[in-house]
Amino acid sequence: MDLGIRGKIALVTGASQGIGRAIALGLAQEGARVLAVARSAEKLEHLVHEIKASGGEAKAIPTDLGKSEELEGLLAQIQPFGPIELFLANTGGPRPSPAQELSPMDFRQAAENLLYPLVRLMEGLLPGMKAQGFGRVLAITSLAVKEPIENLALSNTLRAAVTGYLKTLSREVAPHGITVNTLAPGYTLTERVAEVFEYRAKQQGTSLEAALAQQAQQIPTGRLGRPEEIADVALFLLSSRSSYLTGQTVVVDGGFTRSLL
């Protein structure tokens, strides 16, 4: 299937590892021109080298989105490439912790990393999308937006906030040919999931391997997902083919979530 994104400019944040990296690679393979953003310059350069080695186009833009001056610098750096047509918003999750152990400042800092940069980026990207009558916006959230996860109070709160913001935005920009969706991965073999399960293993007095194995038993498919499996769904949501799908949260979790909607 031709996804209709060859030659389009794609901005991918959190592109240095895990799901973001897999999506950046997939977009490049489909012919998109990838602007890869993350804090780690070294990891981004490895990604760009891999994309170019396979005949794709990519540029690394090291940026800490939680720092306002770097966020503004990113918007300035991408301007010469023309209007961004595809935007994958992906941000590493905040540290695991129960709600009672967090302060108001913890929630403020989480918002400054997960919510505020997204709002600013949308402010900067939407005029170009509107002008050309086309745009695809997709944010990676978590299955926690359907079923909150124990000891992930910050993620449960901020991922839900991102979902509410983008759901509202989706109705406002739909007349301009812009779709806005979120993708909620289940337990996937990424560095972030390893961090969460290291915390869980410590709480339970067991090993990381044992904690992951226990979780896999609770997933109907009997295993954790792979970043590439999440990326395959993301590519469709970012494609020209998904023109009538907007304002949705798509869960990809091996059947783990029990909620009906």
C-alpha atoms as a PDB file:
ATOM      1  CA  MET A   1       0.000   0.000   0.000  1.00  0.00           C
ATOM      2  CA  ASP A   2       1.294   3.432  -0.972  1.00  0.00           C
ATOM      3  CA  LEU A   3       0.922   5.618   2.118  1.00  0.00           C
ATOM      4  CA  GLY A   4       1.176   8.805   0.078  1.00  0.00           C
ATOM      5  CA  ILE A   5       3.896  10.435   2.144  1.00  0.00           C
ATOM      6  CA  ARG A   6       6.872  10.280  -0.219  1.00  0.00           C
ATOM      7  CA  GLY A   7       8.665  13.616  -0.218  1.00  0.00           C
ATOM      8  CA  LYS A   8       6.689  15.000   2.708  1.00  0.00           C
ATOM      9  CA  ILE A   9       8.503  16.627   5.614  1.00  0.00           C
ATOM     10  CA  ALA A  10       8.124  14.794   8.905  1.00  0.00           C
ATOM     11  CA  LEU A  11       9.083  16.173  12.308  1.00  0.00           C
ATOM     12  CA  VAL A  12       9.687  13.382  14.819  1.00  0.00           C
ATOM     13  CA  THR A  13      10.412  14.170  18.453  1.00  0.00           C
ATOM     14  CA  GLY A  14      11.825  11.576  20.819  1.00  0.00           C
ATOM     15  CA  ALA A  15      13.412  10.004  17.760  1.00  0.00           C
ATOM     16  CA  SER A  16      16.617   8.707  19.317  1.00  0.00           C
ATOM     17  CA  GLN A  17      15.305   5.429  20.728  1.00  0.00           C
ATOM     18  CA  GLY A  18      12.355   3.115  21.223  1.00  0.00           C
ATOM     19  CA  ILE A  19       9.065   3.782  19.484  1.00  0.00           C
ATOM     20  CA  GLY A  20      10.083   7.227  18.206  1.00  0.00           C
ATOM     21  CA  ARG A  21      13.141   5.787  16.516  1.00  0.00           C
ATOM     22  CA  ALA A  22      11.133   2.989  14.917  1.00  0.00           C
ATOM     23  CA  ILE A  23       8.626   5.499  13.536  1.00  0.00           C
ATOM     24  CA  ALA A  24      11.374   7.760  12.185  1.00  0.00           C
ATOM     25  CA  LEU A  25      12.914   4.796  10.372  1.00  0.00           C
ATOM     26  CA  GLY A  26       9.532   3.751   9.002  1.00  0.00           C
ATOM     27  CA  LEU A  27       8.746   7.232   7.719  1.00  0.00           C
ATOM     28  CA  ALA A  28      12.123   7.403   5.976  1.00  0.00           C
ATOM     29  CA  GLN A  29      11.543   4.019   4.375  1.00  0.00           C
ATOM     30  CA  GLU A  30       8.259   5.350   2.992  1.00  0.00           C
ATOM     31  CA  GLY A  31      10.106   8.273   1.420  1.00  0.00           C
ATOM     32  CA  ALA A  32       9.407  11.032   3.933  1.00  0.00           C
ATOM     33  CA  ARG A  33      12.120  13.560   4.742  1.00  0.00           C
ATOM     34  CA  VAL A  34      12.701  13.168   8.466  1.00  0.00           C
ATOM     35  CA  LEU A  35      13.699  15.905  10.897  1.00  0.00           C
ATOM     36  CA  ALA A  36      14.733  13.893  13.949  1.00  0.00           C
ATOM     37  CA  VAL A  37      14.612  15.545  17.370  1.00  0.00           C
ATOM     38  CA  ALA A  38      15.821  14.279  20.747  1.00  0.00           C
ATOM     39  CA  ARG A  39      18.201  15.300  23.525  1.00  0.00           C
ATOM     40  CA  SER A  40      20.964  12.851  22.589  1.00  0.00           C
ATOM     41  CA  ALA A  41      22.996  14.160  19.643  1.00  0.00           C
ATOM     42  CA  GLU A  42      24.990  10.928  19.455  1.00  0.00           C
ATOM     43  CA  LYS A  43      21.942   8.683  19.193  1.00  0.00           C
ATOM     44  CA  LEU A  44      20.367  10.979  16.624  1.00  0.00           C
ATOM     45  CA  GLU A  45      23.480  10.847  14.464  1.00  0.00           C
ATOM     46  CA  HIS A  46      23.354   7.044  14.538  1.00  0.00           C
ATOM     47  CA  LEU A  47      19.717   7.205  13.406  1.00  0.00           C
ATOM     48  CA  VAL A  48      20.446   9.655  10.597  1.00  0.00           C
ATOM     49  CA  HIS A  49      23.394   7.545   9.436  1.00  0.00           C
ATOM     50  CA  GLU A  50      21.158   4.457   9.279  1.00  0.00           C
ATOM     51  CA  ILE A  51      18.477   6.312   7.325  1.00  0.00           C
ATOM     52  CA  LYS A  52      20.938   7.770   4.828  1.00  0.00           C
ATOM     53  CA  ALA A  53      22.705   4.424   4.410  1.00  0.00           C
ATOM     54  CA  SER A  54      19.415   2.964   3.198  1.00  0.00           C
ATOM     55  CA  GLY A  55      18.816   5.811   0.752  1.00  0.00           C
ATOM     56  CA  GLY A  56      16.567   7.987   2.909  1.00  0.00           C
ATOM     57  CA  GLU A  57      16.713  11.651   3.895  1.00  0.00           C
ATOM     58  CA  ALA A  58      17.086  12.827   7.483  1.00  0.00           C
ATOM     59  CA  LYS A  59      18.540  15.577   9.613  1.00  0.00           C
ATOM     60  CA  ALA A  60      19.369  15.450  13.318  1.00  0.00           C
ATOM     61  CA  ILE A  61      18.282  18.408  15.470  1.00  0.00           C
ATOM     62  CA  PRO A  62      19.388  17.811  19.083  1.00  0.00           C
ATOM     63  CA  THR A  63      16.907  19.590  21.355  1.00  0.00           C
ATOM     64  CA  ASP A  64      15.701  19.435  24.926  1.00  0.00           C
ATOM     65  CA  LEU A  65      12.014  20.274  24.511  1.00  0.00           C
ATOM     66  CA  GLY A  66      11.703  20.942  28.230  1.00  0.00           C
ATOM     67  CA  LYS A  67      13.884  24.052  27.841  1.00  0.00           C
ATOM     68  CA  SER A  68      11.986  26.959  26.310  1.00  0.00           C
ATOM     69  CA  GLU A  69      15.023  28.490  24.609  1.00  0.00           C
ATOM     70  CA  GLU A  70      15.837  25.192  22.874  1.00  0.00           C
ATOM     71  CA  LEU A  71      12.211  24.726  21.877  1.00  0.00           C
ATOM     72  CA  GLU A  72      12.199  28.144  20.227  1.00  0.00           C
ATOM     73  CA  GLY A  73      15.506  27.261  18.581  1.00  0.00           C
ATOM     74  CA  LEU A  74      13.941  24.126  17.129  1.00  0.00           C
ATOM     75  CA  LEU A  75      11.097  26.097  15.570  1.00  0.00           C
ATOM     76  CA  ALA A  76      13.657  28.435  14.012  1.00  0.00           C
ATOM     77  CA  GLN A  77      15.795  25.572  12.676  1.00  0.00           C
ATOM     78  CA  ILE A  78      12.926  23.750  10.944  1.00  0.00           C
ATOM     79  CA  GLN A  79      11.569  26.875   9.231  1.00  0.00           C
ATOM     80  CA  PRO A  80      13.884  26.681   6.169  1.00  0.00           C
ATOM     81  CA  PHE A  81      12.593  23.188   5.345  1.00  0.00           C
ATOM     82  CA  GLY A  82       9.134  24.522   4.610  1.00  0.00           C
ATOM     83  CA  PRO A  83       5.808  23.618   6.208  1.00  0.00           C
ATOM     84  CA  ILE A  84       5.902  20.463   8.320  1.00  0.00           C
ATOM     85  CA  GLU A  85       3.335  18.045   6.934  1.00  0.00           C
ATOM     86  CA  LEU A  86       3.710  15.135   9.357  1.00  0.00           C
ATOM     87  CA  PHE A  87       4.286  15.612  13.081  1.00  0.00           C
ATOM     88  CA  LEU A  88       5.006  12.736  15.448  1.00  0.00           C
ATOM     89  CA  ALA A  89       4.957  14.015  19.040  1.00  0.00           C
ATOM     90  CA  ASN A  90       6.780  11.596  21.280  1.00  0.00           C
ATOM     91  CA  THR A  91       8.175  12.428  24.706  1.00  0.00           C
ATOM     92  CA  GLY A  92       9.803  10.197  27.300  1.00  0.00           C
ATOM     93  CA  GLY A  93       7.610   9.524  30.297  1.00  0.00           C
ATOM     94  CA  PRO A  94       8.182  11.062  33.740  1.00  0.00           C
ATOM     95  CA  ARG A  95       9.624   9.043  36.613  1.00  0.00           C
ATOM     96  CA  PRO A  96       7.502   6.351  38.258  1.00  0.00           C
ATOM     97  CA  SER A  97       5.976   7.291  41.600  1.00  0.00           C
ATOM     98  CA  PRO A  98       2.690   7.013  43.520  1.00  0.00           C
ATOM     99  CA  ALA A  99       0.658  10.235  43.685  1.00  0.00           C
ATOM    100  CA  GLN A 100       1.093  10.684  47.440  1.00  0.00           C
ATOM    101  CA  GLU A 101       4.864  10.996  47.067  1.00  0.00           C
ATOM    102  CA  LEU A 102       4.674  13.832  44.543  1.00  0.00           C
ATOM    103  CA  SER A 103       4.591  17.578  45.069  1.00  0.00           C
ATOM    104  CA  PRO A 104       2.838  20.240  43.002  1.00  0.00           C
ATOM    105  CA  MET A 105       6.267  21.099  41.582  1.00  0.00           C
ATOM    106  CA  ASP A 106       6.646  17.534  40.311  1.00  0.00           C
ATOM    107  CA  PHE A 107       3.434  17.916  38.328  1.00  0.00           C
ATOM    108  CA  ARG A 108       4.506  21.317  37.030  1.00  0.00           C
ATOM    109  CA  GLN A 109       7.819  19.924  35.811  1.00  0.00           C
ATOM    110  CA  ALA A 110       6.070  17.000  34.140  1.00  0.00           C
ATOM    111  CA  ALA A 111       3.739  19.406  32.357  1.00  0.00           C
ATOM    112  CA  GLU A 112       6.718  21.458  31.182  1.00  0.00           C
ATOM    113  CA  ASN A 113       8.092  18.333  29.500  1.00  0.00           C
ATOM    114  CA  LEU A 114       4.968  16.582  28.223  1.00  0.00           C
ATOM    115  CA  LEU A 115       2.267  19.191  27.637  1.00  0.00           C
ATOM    116  CA  TYR A 116       3.621  22.713  27.196  1.00  0.00           C
ATOM    117  CA  PRO A 117       6.152  21.857  24.432  1.00  0.00           C
ATOM    118  CA  LEU A 118       3.408  20.118  22.457  1.00  0.00           C
ATOM    119  CA  VAL A 119       1.146  23.159  22.694  1.00  0.00           C
ATOM    120  CA  ARG A 120       3.970  25.454  21.549  1.00  0.00           C
ATOM    121  CA  LEU A 121       4.925  23.183  18.671  1.00  0.00           C
ATOM    122  CA  MET A 122       1.328  22.994  17.481  1.00  0.00           C
ATOM    123  CA  GLU A 123       1.151  26.788  17.622  1.00  0.00           C
ATOM    124  CA  GLY A 124       4.194  26.921  15.357  1.00  0.00           C
ATOM    125  CA  LEU A 125       3.252  24.124  12.957  1.00  0.00           C
ATOM    126  CA  LEU A 126      -0.469  24.621  12.364  1.00  0.00           C
ATOM    127  CA  PRO A 127      -0.260  27.771  10.193  1.00  0.00           C
ATOM    128  CA  GLY A 128       1.819  25.915   7.605  1.00  0.00           C
ATOM    129  CA  MET A 129      -0.484  22.891   7.639  1.00  0.00           C
ATOM    130  CA  LYS A 130      -3.548  25.104   7.248  1.00  0.00           C
ATOM    131  CA  ALA A 131      -1.987  27.019   4.369  1.00  0.00           C
ATOM    132  CA  GLN A 132      -1.467  23.854   2.339  1.00  0.00           C
ATOM    133  CA  GLY A 133      -4.690  22.171   3.425  1.00  0.00           C
ATOM    134  CA  PHE A 134      -2.950  19.075   4.714  1.00  0.00           C
ATOM    135  CA  GLY A 135      -1.442  17.844   7.945  1.00  0.00           C
ATOM    136  CA  ARG A 136      -1.039  14.747  10.081  1.00  0.00           C
ATOM    137  CA  VAL A 137      -0.490  15.056  13.822  1.00  0.00           C
ATOM    138  CA  LEU A 138       0.059  12.010  15.995  1.00  0.00           C
ATOM    139  CA  ALA A 139       1.112  11.901  19.647  1.00  0.00           C
ATOM    140  CA  ILE A 140       2.404   8.813  21.414  1.00  0.00           C
ATOM    141  CA  THR A 141       0.733   8.511  24.814  1.00  0.00           C
ATOM    142  CA  SER A 142       0.138   5.320  26.799  1.00  0.00           C
ATOM    143  CA  LEU A 143      -2.513   2.743  27.592  1.00  0.00           C
ATOM    144  CA  ALA A 144      -2.687   4.668  30.893  1.00  0.00           C
ATOM    145  CA  VAL A 145      -5.124   7.078  29.199  1.00  0.00           C
ATOM    146  CA  LYS A 146      -7.592   4.167  29.143  1.00  0.00           C
ATOM    147  CA  GLU A 147      -6.637   2.460  32.400  1.00  0.00           C
ATOM    148  CA  PRO A 148      -4.335   4.370  34.801  1.00  0.00           C
ATOM    149  CA  ILE A 149      -1.294   2.369  35.869  1.00  0.00           C
ATOM    150  CA  GLU A 150      -0.254   2.043  39.499  1.00  0.00           C
ATOM    151  CA  ASN A 151       2.747   4.137  40.571  1.00  0.00           C
ATOM    152  CA  LEU A 152       2.709   6.173  37.355  1.00  0.00           C
ATOM    153  CA  ALA A 153       0.813   9.162  38.716  1.00  0.00           C
ATOM    154  CA  LEU A 154       2.638  11.757  36.618  1.00  0.00           C
ATOM    155  CA  SER A 155       2.234   9.832  33.388  1.00  0.00           C
ATOM    156  CA  ASN A 156      -1.417   9.017  34.125  1.00  0.00           C
ATOM    157  CA  THR A 157      -2.136  12.713  34.665  1.00  0.00           C
ATOM    158  CA  LEU A 158      -0.153  14.303  31.845  1.00  0.00           C
ATOM    159  CA  ARG A 159      -0.906  11.731  29.150  1.00  0.00           C
ATOM    160  CA  ALA A 160      -4.591  12.327  29.828  1.00  0.00           C
ATOM    161  CA  ALA A 161      -4.017  16.088  29.539  1.00  0.00           C
ATOM    162  CA  VAL A 162      -2.299  15.632  26.168  1.00  0.00           C
ATOM    163  CA  THR A 163      -5.204  13.485  24.986  1.00  0.00           C
ATOM    164  CA  GLY A 164      -7.761  16.090  26.044  1.00  0.00           C
ATOM    165  CA  TYR A 165      -5.871  18.902  24.342  1.00  0.00           C
ATOM    166  CA  LEU A 166      -5.463  17.032  21.055  1.00  0.00           C
ATOM    167  CA  LYS A 167      -9.041  15.747  21.035  1.00  0.00           C
ATOM    168  CA  THR A 168     -10.240  19.342  21.339  1.00  0.00           C
ATOM    169  CA  LEU A 169      -7.809  20.525  18.669  1.00  0.00           C
ATOM    170  CA  SER A 170      -8.823  17.769  16.246  1.00  0.00           C
ATOM    171  CA  ARG A 171     -12.309  19.211  15.789  1.00  0.00           C
ATOM    172  CA  GLU A 172     -10.978  22.719  15.274  1.00  0.00           C
ATOM    173  CA  VAL A 173      -8.525  21.843  12.501  1.00  0.00           C
ATOM    174  CA  ALA A 174     -10.420  19.063  10.687  1.00  0.00           C
ATOM    175  CA  PRO A 175     -11.909  21.507   8.119  1.00  0.00           C
ATOM    176  CA  HIS A 176      -8.341  22.329   7.036  1.00  0.00           C
ATOM    177  CA  GLY A 177      -7.474  18.762   6.013  1.00  0.00           C
ATOM    178  CA  ILE A 178      -5.532  18.146   9.223  1.00  0.00           C
ATOM    179  CA  THR A 179      -6.030  14.999  11.269  1.00  0.00           C
ATOM    180  CA  VAL A 180      -5.025  14.781  14.935  1.00  0.00           C
ATOM    181  CA  ASN A 181      -4.833  11.464  16.757  1.00  0.00           C
ATOM    182  CA  THR A 182      -3.075   9.784  19.644  1.00  0.00           C
ATOM    183  CA  LEU A 183      -1.566   6.325  19.736  1.00  0.00           C
ATOM    184  CA  ALA A 184      -1.542   4.547  23.089  1.00  0.00           C
ATOM    185  CA  PRO A 185       0.996   1.713  23.169  1.00  0.00           C
ATOM    186  CA  GLY A 186       0.743  -1.101  25.636  1.00  0.00           C
ATOM    187  CA  TYR A 187       3.745  -2.756  27.234  1.00  0.00           C
ATOM    188  CA  THR A 188       6.468  -2.572  24.596  1.00  0.00           C
ATOM    189  CA  LEU A 189      10.131  -3.563  24.727  1.00  0.00           C
ATOM    190  CA  THR A 190      11.642  -0.099  25.083  1.00  0.00           C
ATOM    191  CA  GLU A 191      14.043   1.660  27.414  1.00  0.00           C
ATOM    192  CA  ARG A 192      11.081   3.422  29.040  1.00  0.00           C
ATOM    193  CA  VAL A 193       9.319   0.153  29.882  1.00  0.00           C
ATOM    194  CA  ALA A 194      12.573  -1.215  31.305  1.00  0.00           C
ATOM    195  CA  GLU A 195      12.744   1.846  33.587  1.00  0.00           C
ATOM    196  CA  VAL A 196       9.169   1.326  34.789  1.00  0.00           C
ATOM    197  CA  PHE A 197       9.697  -2.367  35.429  1.00  0.00           C
ATOM    198  CA  GLU A 198      12.983  -1.822  37.221  1.00  0.00           C
ATOM    199  CA  TYR A 199      11.006   0.342  39.644  1.00  0.00           C
ATOM    200  CA  ARG A 200       8.295  -2.322  39.892  1.00  0.00           C
ATOM    201  CA  ALA A 201      10.846  -5.112  40.432  1.00  0.00           C
ATOM    202  CA  LYS A 202      12.457  -3.139  43.244  1.00  0.00           C
ATOM    203  CA  GLN A 203       9.090  -2.631  44.903  1.00  0.00           C
ATOM    204  CA  GLN A 204       8.308  -6.345  44.650  1.00  0.00           C
ATOM    205  CA  GLY A 205      11.768  -7.536  45.599  1.00  0.00           C
ATOM    206  CA  THR A 206      12.268  -9.434  42.367  1.00  0.00           C
ATOM    207  CA  SER A 207      14.342  -9.146  39.188  1.00  0.00           C
ATOM    208  CA  LEU A 208      13.611  -7.077  36.083  1.00  0.00           C
ATOM    209  CA  GLU A 209      13.360 -10.263  34.016  1.00  0.00           C
ATOM    210  CA  ALA A 210      10.852 -11.798  36.420  1.00  0.00           C
ATOM    211  CA  ALA A 211       8.731  -8.643  36.468  1.00  0.00           C
ATOM    212  CA  LEU A 212       8.634  -8.516  32.655  1.00  0.00           C
ATOM    213  CA  ALA A 213       7.762 -12.212  32.446  1.00  0.00           C
ATOM    214  CA  GLN A 214       4.937 -11.738  34.930  1.00  0.00           C
ATOM    215  CA  GLN A 215       3.547  -8.878  32.856  1.00  0.00           C
ATOM    216  CA  ALA A 216       3.771 -10.880  29.634  1.00  0.00           C
ATOM    217  CA  GLN A 217       1.565 -13.549  31.173  1.00  0.00           C
ATOM    218  CA  GLN A 218      -1.203 -10.971  31.634  1.00  0.00           C
ATOM    219  CA  ILE A 219      -1.199  -9.942  27.955  1.00  0.00           C
ATOM    220  CA  PRO A 220      -3.478 -12.066  25.723  1.00  0.00           C
ATOM    221  CA  THR A 221      -0.770 -12.350  23.052  1.00  0.00           C
ATOM    222  CA  GLY A 222       1.577 -13.712  25.720  1.00  0.00           C
ATOM    223  CA  ARG A 223       4.370 -11.219  25.112  1.00  0.00           C
ATOM    224  CA  LEU A 224       5.347  -7.580  25.115  1.00  0.00           C
ATOM    225  CA  GLY A 225       5.176  -5.615  21.891  1.00  0.00           C
ATOM    226  CA  ARG A 226       8.041  -4.532  19.666  1.00  0.00           C
ATOM    227  CA  PRO A 227       8.618  -0.882  18.711  1.00  0.00           C
ATOM    228  CA  GLU A 228       8.238  -1.800  15.043  1.00  0.00           C
ATOM    229  CA  GLU A 229       4.721  -3.091  15.685  1.00  0.00           C
ATOM    230  CA  ILE A 230       3.706   0.243  17.177  1.00  0.00           C
ATOM    231  CA  ALA A 231       5.409   2.054  14.310  1.00  0.00           C
ATOM    232  CA  ASP A 232       3.409   0.148  11.697  1.00  0.00           C
ATOM    233  CA  VAL A 233       0.174   1.544  13.115  1.00  0.00           C
ATOM    234  CA  ALA A 234       1.679   5.014  13.507  1.00  0.00           C
ATOM    235  CA  LEU A 235       2.697   5.096   9.842  1.00  0.00           C
ATOM    236  CA  PHE A 236      -0.900   4.584   8.752  1.00  0.00           C
ATOM    237  CA  LEU A 237      -2.151   7.298  11.114  1.00  0.00           C
ATOM    238  CA  LEU A 238       0.464   9.675   9.677  1.00  0.00           C
ATOM    239  CA  SER A 239      -0.308   8.761   6.091  1.00  0.00           C
ATOM    240  CA  SER A 240      -2.510  10.264   3.411  1.00  0.00           C
ATOM    241  CA  ARG A 241      -4.663   7.136   3.703  1.00  0.00           C
ATOM    242  CA  SER A 242      -5.963   8.118   7.149  1.00  0.00           C
ATOM    243  CA  SER A 243      -7.837  11.206   5.935  1.00  0.00           C
ATOM    244  CA  TYR A 244     -11.153  10.310   7.636  1.00  0.00           C
ATOM    245  CA  LEU A 245      -9.688   9.197  10.965  1.00  0.00           C
ATOM    246  CA  THR A 246      -9.251  12.004  13.457  1.00  0.00           C
ATOM    247  CA  GLY A 247      -9.762  12.767  17.140  1.00  0.00           C
ATOM    248  CA  GLN A 248      -9.134   9.152  18.110  1.00  0.00           C
ATOM    249  CA  THR A 249      -6.974   7.294  20.602  1.00  0.00           C
ATOM    250  CA  VAL A 250      -5.746   4.078  19.020  1.00  0.00           C
ATOM    251  CA  VAL A 251      -4.593   1.473  21.529  1.00  0.00           C
ATOM    252  CA  VAL A 252      -1.965  -1.063  20.432  1.00  0.00           C
ATOM    253  CA  ASP A 253      -1.431  -3.362  23.394  1.00  0.00           C
ATOM    254  CA  GLY A 254      -1.766  -7.031  22.422  1.00  0.00           C
ATOM    255  CA  GLY A 255      -5.293  -7.060  23.854  1.00  0.00           C
ATOM    256  CA  PHE A 256      -4.251  -6.108  27.387  1.00  0.00           C
ATOM    257  CA  THR A 257      -6.685  -3.223  27.987  1.00  0.00           C
ATOM    258  CA  ARG A 258     -10.138  -4.346  29.114  1.00  0.00           C
ATOM    259  CA  SER A 259     -12.020  -1.092  28.515  1.00  0.00           C
ATOM    260  CA  LEU A 260     -14.658  -1.028  25.771  1.00  0.00           C
ATOM    261  CA  LEU A 261     -13.735   2.436  24.452  1.00  0.00           C
END
